[in-house]
N, C-alpha and C. Protein backbone atom coordinates (compact mmCIF):
# COMPACT_ATOMS: atom_id res chain seq x y z
N MET A 1 72.29 62.29 136.82
CA MET A 1 72.10 62.66 135.43
C MET A 1 71.67 64.12 135.32
N PHE A 2 70.78 64.54 136.23
CA PHE A 2 70.30 65.92 136.23
C PHE A 2 71.46 66.90 136.37
N TRP A 3 72.39 66.60 137.30
CA TRP A 3 73.51 67.51 137.55
C TRP A 3 74.45 67.60 136.35
N LYS A 4 74.67 66.47 135.69
CA LYS A 4 75.54 66.47 134.50
C LYS A 4 74.93 67.35 133.41
N THR A 5 73.61 67.22 133.22
CA THR A 5 72.92 68.01 132.20
C THR A 5 72.98 69.49 132.56
N LEU A 6 72.78 69.81 133.84
CA LEU A 6 72.81 71.20 134.29
C LEU A 6 74.21 71.80 134.07
N VAL A 7 75.25 71.09 134.47
CA VAL A 7 76.62 71.58 134.31
C VAL A 7 76.94 71.76 132.82
N PHE A 8 76.57 70.78 132.00
CA PHE A 8 76.81 70.86 130.56
C PHE A 8 76.10 72.08 129.97
N SER A 9 74.85 72.31 130.38
CA SER A 9 74.08 73.46 129.88
C SER A 9 74.74 74.77 130.28
N LEU A 10 75.23 74.84 131.52
CA LEU A 10 75.90 76.06 131.98
C LEU A 10 77.17 76.32 131.18
N ILE A 11 77.93 75.28 130.89
CA ILE A 11 79.16 75.45 130.11
C ILE A 11 78.83 75.94 128.71
N ILE A 12 77.87 75.31 128.07
CA ILE A 12 77.47 75.71 126.71
C ILE A 12 76.94 77.14 126.72
N GLY A 13 76.14 77.48 127.72
CA GLY A 13 75.61 78.84 127.83
C GLY A 13 76.72 79.87 128.00
N SER A 14 77.71 79.54 128.81
CA SER A 14 78.84 80.45 129.03
C SER A 14 79.63 80.66 127.75
N LEU A 15 79.87 79.57 127.02
CA LEU A 15 80.60 79.69 125.76
C LEU A 15 79.82 80.52 124.75
N SER A 16 78.50 80.35 124.72
CA SER A 16 77.67 81.16 123.80
C SER A 16 77.77 82.63 124.15
N LEU A 17 77.74 82.92 125.44
CA LEU A 17 77.84 84.31 125.89
C LEU A 17 79.20 84.89 125.51
N LEU A 18 80.27 84.12 125.71
CA LEU A 18 81.60 84.59 125.31
C LEU A 18 81.66 84.86 123.82
N TYR A 19 81.08 83.98 123.03
CA TYR A 19 81.10 84.14 121.58
C TYR A 19 80.32 85.38 121.17
N SER A 20 79.16 85.61 121.79
CA SER A 20 78.36 86.79 121.43
C SER A 20 79.06 88.07 121.88
N MET A 21 79.78 88.04 123.01
CA MET A 21 80.53 89.21 123.46
C MET A 21 81.67 89.49 122.49
N GLU A 22 82.26 88.43 121.94
CA GLU A 22 83.33 88.61 120.96
C GLU A 22 82.79 89.35 119.74
N ASP A 23 81.61 88.96 119.27
CA ASP A 23 81.00 89.64 118.13
C ASP A 23 80.72 91.10 118.46
N PHE A 24 80.26 91.38 119.68
CA PHE A 24 79.98 92.74 120.11
C PHE A 24 81.26 93.57 120.11
N ASN A 25 82.34 93.01 120.68
CA ASN A 25 83.61 93.73 120.73
C ASN A 25 84.16 94.00 119.34
N THR A 26 84.05 93.03 118.45
CA THR A 26 84.54 93.21 117.08
C THR A 26 83.76 94.31 116.39
N THR A 27 82.45 94.33 116.57
CA THR A 27 81.62 95.36 115.96
C THR A 27 82.00 96.73 116.50
N GLN A 28 82.21 96.83 117.80
CA GLN A 28 82.59 98.11 118.39
C GLN A 28 83.92 98.60 117.81
N ASP A 29 84.91 97.71 117.71
CA ASP A 29 86.22 98.11 117.19
C ASP A 29 86.12 98.58 115.75
N THR A 30 85.31 97.90 114.95
CA THR A 30 85.17 98.26 113.55
C THR A 30 84.53 99.63 113.40
N ASN A 31 83.59 99.94 114.28
CA ASN A 31 82.87 101.21 114.17
C ASN A 31 83.60 102.37 114.81
N SER A 32 84.65 102.10 115.58
CA SER A 32 85.34 103.20 116.24
C SER A 32 86.06 104.05 115.20
N SER A 33 86.26 105.31 115.54
CA SER A 33 86.84 106.25 114.58
C SER A 33 88.30 105.93 114.33
N ASP A 34 88.72 106.11 113.09
CA ASP A 34 90.10 105.86 112.72
C ASP A 34 91.05 106.82 113.41
N SER A 35 90.57 107.97 113.83
CA SER A 35 91.46 108.96 114.45
C SER A 35 92.03 108.46 115.78
N SER A 36 91.39 107.46 116.40
CA SER A 36 91.92 106.96 117.67
C SER A 36 93.25 106.23 117.47
N ASN A 37 93.52 105.76 116.27
CA ASN A 37 94.79 105.09 115.99
C ASN A 37 95.79 105.99 115.28
N LYS A 38 95.43 107.24 115.06
CA LYS A 38 96.35 108.16 114.39
C LYS A 38 97.43 108.62 115.37
N ILE A 39 98.55 108.99 114.81
CA ILE A 39 99.70 109.46 115.58
C ILE A 39 99.61 110.98 115.69
N THR A 40 99.85 111.50 116.89
CA THR A 40 99.92 112.95 117.03
C THR A 40 101.32 113.40 116.64
N PHE A 41 101.36 114.29 115.67
CA PHE A 41 102.61 114.89 115.18
C PHE A 41 102.69 116.23 115.89
N LEU A 42 103.32 116.25 117.06
CA LEU A 42 103.41 117.46 117.88
C LEU A 42 104.64 118.25 117.45
N TYR A 43 104.38 119.34 116.76
CA TYR A 43 105.42 120.15 116.10
C TYR A 43 105.69 121.39 116.96
N ILE A 44 106.89 121.46 117.55
CA ILE A 44 107.29 122.62 118.35
C ILE A 44 108.02 123.58 117.41
N ASP A 45 107.49 124.78 117.31
CA ASP A 45 107.86 125.76 116.30
C ASP A 45 108.25 127.07 116.98
N SER A 46 108.82 127.97 116.22
CA SER A 46 109.14 129.31 116.70
C SER A 46 108.90 130.28 115.55
N ASP A 47 108.41 131.47 115.87
CA ASP A 47 108.14 132.48 114.83
C ASP A 47 109.40 132.89 114.08
N THR A 48 110.54 132.80 114.74
CA THR A 48 111.79 133.28 114.14
C THR A 48 112.68 132.15 113.61
N CYS A 49 112.15 130.97 113.49
CA CYS A 49 112.94 129.79 113.11
C CYS A 49 112.90 129.57 111.60
N GLU A 50 114.03 129.82 110.93
CA GLU A 50 114.07 129.62 109.47
C GLU A 50 114.05 128.13 109.12
N PHE A 51 114.59 127.28 110.01
CA PHE A 51 114.55 125.83 109.75
C PHE A 51 113.11 125.31 109.81
N CYS A 52 112.30 125.95 110.67
CA CYS A 52 110.88 125.56 110.76
C CYS A 52 110.16 125.87 109.45
N ARG A 53 110.49 127.01 108.83
CA ARG A 53 109.85 127.37 107.55
C ARG A 53 110.21 126.36 106.47
N ARG A 54 111.48 125.89 106.49
CA ARG A 54 111.89 124.87 105.51
C ARG A 54 111.16 123.56 105.77
N LEU A 55 111.00 123.22 107.05
CA LEU A 55 110.25 122.01 107.39
C LEU A 55 108.80 122.15 106.93
N ASP A 56 108.22 123.35 107.11
CA ASP A 56 106.85 123.59 106.65
C ASP A 56 106.71 123.28 105.16
N GLU A 57 107.69 123.73 104.38
CA GLU A 57 107.66 123.47 102.93
C GLU A 57 107.71 121.98 102.64
N MET A 58 108.58 121.27 103.37
CA MET A 58 108.70 119.82 103.15
C MET A 58 107.43 119.08 103.57
N LEU A 59 106.78 119.56 104.63
CA LEU A 59 105.55 118.90 105.09
C LEU A 59 104.45 119.01 104.05
N ASN A 60 104.53 120.02 103.19
CA ASN A 60 103.53 120.22 102.15
C ASN A 60 103.89 119.55 100.83
N ALA A 61 105.06 118.93 100.75
CA ALA A 61 105.43 118.17 99.55
C ALA A 61 104.48 116.97 99.43
N PRO A 62 104.25 116.47 98.22
CA PRO A 62 103.24 115.42 98.01
C PRO A 62 103.36 114.18 98.91
N LYS A 63 104.53 113.56 99.00
CA LYS A 63 104.66 112.32 99.78
C LYS A 63 104.46 112.54 101.28
N PRO A 64 105.16 113.51 101.89
CA PRO A 64 104.92 113.75 103.32
C PRO A 64 103.48 114.17 103.61
N ALA A 65 102.91 115.02 102.76
CA ALA A 65 101.54 115.50 102.98
C ALA A 65 100.55 114.34 102.96
N GLU A 66 100.77 113.39 102.06
CA GLU A 66 99.89 112.22 101.97
C GLU A 66 99.96 111.37 103.24
N LEU A 67 101.18 111.13 103.73
CA LEU A 67 101.35 110.36 104.97
C LEU A 67 100.74 111.09 106.16
N LEU A 68 100.98 112.40 106.23
CA LEU A 68 100.44 113.19 107.35
C LEU A 68 98.92 113.12 107.37
N GLU A 69 98.30 113.25 106.22
CA GLU A 69 96.84 113.24 106.17
C GLU A 69 96.27 111.88 106.56
N LYS A 70 96.93 110.82 106.13
CA LYS A 70 96.40 109.47 106.36
C LYS A 70 96.66 108.94 107.77
N TYR A 71 97.83 109.23 108.34
CA TYR A 71 98.24 108.58 109.58
C TYR A 71 98.42 109.49 110.79
N PHE A 72 98.35 110.81 110.61
CA PHE A 72 98.73 111.72 111.69
C PHE A 72 97.67 112.77 111.98
N ILE A 73 97.71 113.26 113.21
CA ILE A 73 96.98 114.46 113.61
C ILE A 73 98.08 115.48 113.91
N VAL A 74 98.12 116.55 113.15
CA VAL A 74 99.20 117.54 113.31
C VAL A 74 98.77 118.57 114.34
N ARG A 75 99.63 118.75 115.33
CA ARG A 75 99.41 119.76 116.37
C ARG A 75 100.66 120.62 116.45
N ARG A 76 100.49 121.91 116.36
CA ARG A 76 101.62 122.83 116.35
C ARG A 76 101.59 123.68 117.62
N GLU A 77 102.74 123.80 118.28
CA GLU A 77 102.87 124.61 119.49
C GLU A 77 104.08 125.53 119.34
N LEU A 78 103.97 126.73 119.84
CA LEU A 78 105.10 127.67 119.83
C LEU A 78 105.99 127.42 121.05
N LEU A 79 107.29 127.49 120.82
CA LEU A 79 108.24 127.34 121.91
C LEU A 79 108.31 128.67 122.66
N ASN A 80 107.72 128.68 123.84
CA ASN A 80 107.76 129.86 124.72
C ASN A 80 107.56 129.39 126.15
N GLU A 81 107.51 130.32 127.08
CA GLU A 81 107.41 129.93 128.49
C GLU A 81 106.06 129.31 128.85
N ASP A 82 105.05 129.45 127.98
CA ASP A 82 103.74 128.86 128.23
C ASP A 82 103.60 127.44 127.67
N LEU A 83 104.64 126.93 127.03
CA LEU A 83 104.58 125.61 126.41
C LEU A 83 104.35 124.53 127.46
N GLU A 84 103.29 123.75 127.26
CA GLU A 84 103.00 122.62 128.15
C GLU A 84 103.05 121.35 127.32
N LEU A 85 104.01 120.50 127.65
CA LEU A 85 104.15 119.23 126.96
C LEU A 85 103.46 118.13 127.76
N PRO A 86 103.00 117.07 127.09
CA PRO A 86 102.46 115.93 127.83
C PRO A 86 103.52 115.37 128.78
N ASP A 87 103.08 114.79 129.88
CA ASP A 87 104.00 114.23 130.89
C ASP A 87 104.98 113.25 130.26
N GLY A 88 106.22 113.34 130.70
CA GLY A 88 107.24 112.38 130.28
C GLY A 88 108.01 112.76 129.03
N LEU A 89 107.61 113.82 128.35
CA LEU A 89 108.35 114.21 127.14
C LEU A 89 109.54 115.08 127.52
N PRO A 90 110.69 114.85 126.90
CA PRO A 90 111.85 115.71 127.17
C PRO A 90 111.61 117.10 126.59
N LEU A 91 112.19 118.10 127.21
CA LEU A 91 112.06 119.46 126.68
C LEU A 91 112.77 119.56 125.34
N PRO A 92 112.23 120.37 124.43
CA PRO A 92 112.92 120.52 123.15
C PRO A 92 114.24 121.27 123.34
N TYR A 93 115.26 120.88 122.58
CA TYR A 93 116.55 121.58 122.63
C TYR A 93 116.51 122.84 121.79
N GLY A 94 115.53 122.95 120.97
CA GLY A 94 115.39 124.08 120.06
C GLY A 94 114.27 123.77 119.08
N THR A 95 114.22 124.52 118.01
CA THR A 95 113.18 124.29 117.03
C THR A 95 113.81 124.06 115.66
N PRO A 96 113.17 123.30 114.84
CA PRO A 96 111.95 122.54 115.08
C PRO A 96 112.24 121.25 115.86
N THR A 97 111.29 120.87 116.68
CA THR A 97 111.29 119.57 117.35
C THR A 97 109.91 118.97 117.12
N VAL A 98 109.89 117.71 116.72
CA VAL A 98 108.62 117.02 116.48
C VAL A 98 108.58 115.77 117.36
N TYR A 99 107.49 115.65 118.15
CA TYR A 99 107.25 114.47 118.96
C TYR A 99 106.19 113.63 118.26
N PHE A 100 106.35 112.32 118.30
CA PHE A 100 105.39 111.39 117.73
C PHE A 100 104.70 110.68 118.89
N LEU A 101 103.40 110.93 119.06
CA LEU A 101 102.67 110.45 120.24
C LEU A 101 101.52 109.53 119.86
N ASP A 102 101.24 108.56 120.73
CA ASP A 102 100.08 107.70 120.51
C ASP A 102 98.83 108.40 121.03
N ASN A 103 97.70 107.70 121.02
CA ASN A 103 96.44 108.33 121.42
C ASN A 103 96.36 108.61 122.93
N LYS A 104 97.34 108.14 123.70
CA LYS A 104 97.40 108.46 125.13
C LYS A 104 98.49 109.48 125.43
N GLU A 105 98.98 110.13 124.37
CA GLU A 105 100.03 111.15 124.45
C GLU A 105 101.34 110.62 125.02
N GLN A 106 101.64 109.37 124.73
CA GLN A 106 102.92 108.77 125.09
C GLN A 106 103.80 108.73 123.85
N ALA A 107 105.07 109.06 124.01
CA ALA A 107 106.00 109.04 122.88
C ALA A 107 106.15 107.61 122.36
N ILE A 108 106.08 107.46 121.04
CA ILE A 108 106.26 106.14 120.46
C ILE A 108 107.67 105.96 119.89
N MET A 109 108.43 107.05 119.85
CA MET A 109 109.82 107.01 119.39
C MET A 109 110.52 108.30 119.80
N GLU A 110 111.80 108.37 119.55
CA GLU A 110 112.56 109.58 119.86
C GLU A 110 112.06 110.75 119.02
N PRO A 111 112.11 111.97 119.56
CA PRO A 111 111.66 113.12 118.77
C PRO A 111 112.59 113.39 117.57
N MET A 112 112.03 114.04 116.59
CA MET A 112 112.80 114.49 115.43
C MET A 112 113.22 115.93 115.72
N ARG A 113 114.52 116.17 115.70
CA ARG A 113 115.03 117.50 116.05
C ARG A 113 115.82 118.09 114.90
N GLY A 114 115.64 119.39 114.70
CA GLY A 114 116.46 120.11 113.73
C GLY A 114 116.01 119.95 112.29
N GLU A 115 116.81 120.55 111.42
CA GLU A 115 116.51 120.54 109.99
C GLU A 115 116.72 119.14 109.42
N LYS A 116 115.82 118.74 108.53
CA LYS A 116 115.90 117.43 107.88
C LYS A 116 115.68 117.60 106.38
N THR A 117 116.23 116.66 105.63
CA THR A 117 115.92 116.61 104.20
C THR A 117 114.56 115.93 104.05
N GLU A 118 113.99 116.00 102.86
CA GLU A 118 112.70 115.33 102.64
C GLU A 118 112.84 113.83 102.84
N GLU A 119 113.96 113.27 102.43
CA GLU A 119 114.20 111.84 102.61
C GLU A 119 114.24 111.48 104.10
N GLU A 120 114.92 112.30 104.90
CA GLU A 120 114.99 112.05 106.34
C GLU A 120 113.61 112.21 106.98
N LEU A 121 112.86 113.21 106.54
CA LEU A 121 111.50 113.41 107.05
C LEU A 121 110.65 112.18 106.77
N LEU A 122 110.71 111.68 105.54
CA LEU A 122 109.95 110.48 105.18
C LEU A 122 110.36 109.28 106.03
N TYR A 123 111.65 109.17 106.31
CA TYR A 123 112.13 108.10 107.18
C TYR A 123 111.46 108.19 108.56
N PHE A 124 111.45 109.39 109.16
CA PHE A 124 110.84 109.58 110.48
C PHE A 124 109.34 109.28 110.44
N LEU A 125 108.65 109.76 109.42
CA LEU A 125 107.21 109.51 109.31
C LEU A 125 106.92 108.01 109.20
N ASN A 126 107.66 107.33 108.34
CA ASN A 126 107.45 105.88 108.17
C ASN A 126 107.82 105.10 109.42
N GLU A 127 108.86 105.53 110.11
CA GLU A 127 109.25 104.88 111.36
C GLU A 127 108.16 105.06 112.42
N ALA A 128 107.58 106.25 112.50
CA ALA A 128 106.50 106.51 113.46
C ALA A 128 105.29 105.63 113.13
N ILE A 129 104.97 105.50 111.86
CA ILE A 129 103.84 104.64 111.45
C ILE A 129 104.11 103.19 111.86
N ARG A 130 105.33 102.71 111.62
CA ARG A 130 105.71 101.35 111.99
C ARG A 130 105.61 101.14 113.51
N GLU A 131 106.15 102.08 114.28
CA GLU A 131 106.10 101.96 115.74
C GLU A 131 104.66 101.99 116.25
N ASN A 132 103.84 102.83 115.65
CA ASN A 132 102.44 102.91 116.06
C ASN A 132 101.72 101.60 115.76
N GLN A 133 102.00 100.99 114.62
CA GLN A 133 101.37 99.70 114.28
C GLN A 133 101.77 98.63 115.28
N LYS A 134 103.03 98.63 115.73
CA LYS A 134 103.47 97.67 116.75
C LYS A 134 102.67 97.87 118.03
N THR A 135 102.49 99.12 118.43
CA THR A 135 101.75 99.44 119.65
C THR A 135 100.31 98.98 119.53
N ILE A 136 99.68 99.26 118.39
CA ILE A 136 98.29 98.86 118.17
C ILE A 136 98.17 97.34 118.21
N SER A 137 99.10 96.63 117.57
CA SER A 137 99.07 95.16 117.55
C SER A 137 99.19 94.59 118.96
N LYS A 138 100.08 95.17 119.77
CA LYS A 138 100.24 94.70 121.15
C LYS A 138 98.95 94.91 121.94
N LYS A 139 98.31 96.08 121.76
CA LYS A 139 97.06 96.37 122.48
C LYS A 139 95.97 95.41 122.04
N GLU A 140 95.88 95.12 120.74
CA GLU A 140 94.87 94.19 120.24
C GLU A 140 95.10 92.79 120.80
N GLU A 141 96.35 92.36 120.87
CA GLU A 141 96.66 91.03 121.39
C GLU A 141 96.27 90.94 122.86
N LYS A 142 96.55 91.99 123.64
CA LYS A 142 96.20 92.00 125.05
C LYS A 142 94.69 91.97 125.27
N SER A 143 93.93 92.59 124.35
CA SER A 143 92.49 92.70 124.55
C SER A 143 91.72 91.48 124.04
N LYS A 144 92.41 90.53 123.41
CA LYS A 144 91.71 89.34 122.93
C LYS A 144 91.17 88.53 124.10
N THR A 145 89.99 87.98 123.91
CA THR A 145 89.40 87.12 124.93
C THR A 145 90.06 85.74 124.84
N ILE A 146 89.85 84.95 125.85
CA ILE A 146 90.36 83.58 125.85
C ILE A 146 89.80 82.83 124.66
N TRP A 147 88.55 83.05 124.37
CA TRP A 147 87.88 82.40 123.25
C TRP A 147 88.60 82.73 121.94
N GLN A 148 88.94 84.00 121.73
CA GLN A 148 89.64 84.43 120.52
C GLN A 148 91.03 83.80 120.45
N LYS A 149 91.72 83.75 121.58
CA LYS A 149 93.07 83.17 121.59
C LYS A 149 93.03 81.68 121.29
N LEU A 150 92.02 80.98 121.84
CA LEU A 150 91.92 79.54 121.61
C LEU A 150 91.66 79.21 120.14
N PHE A 151 90.85 80.03 119.49
CA PHE A 151 90.44 79.74 118.12
C PHE A 151 91.08 80.67 117.11
N ASN A 152 92.15 81.38 117.51
CA ASN A 152 92.92 82.26 116.62
C ASN A 152 92.05 83.22 115.82
N LYS A 153 91.10 83.85 116.49
CA LYS A 153 90.25 84.83 115.81
C LYS A 153 90.77 86.21 116.05
């Protein structure tokens, strides 16, 4: 009888610990900065690129500007011999080229190259947001504890 009680107590204690760790992890995730889930909008530019200036104007239009502020971290780099891209990114064919990167500097979709209309720009921005959400959902699913998976939390 003693052994049954001891084993039962250990199981209950372990489950309590798992449940309290789940609360700790949830609290940590909630308090983490939103910028960790933002997409890096890596904009490869050139001083002499007229298409880049047109893209600049479109980026400042109300709809694209709102999406950029809410979901992206904009980083601008000049295309020159000192350009250092994150590992695994293809070299730009010219300017403008925009890479959409996750928080580990991995491409989440194909780069946007060349001149675009505002409608095309919005398509790329929304597609990047969608792809990033898929990536975040996959990471969250992988990080769930057994306890969370069993009880769909």
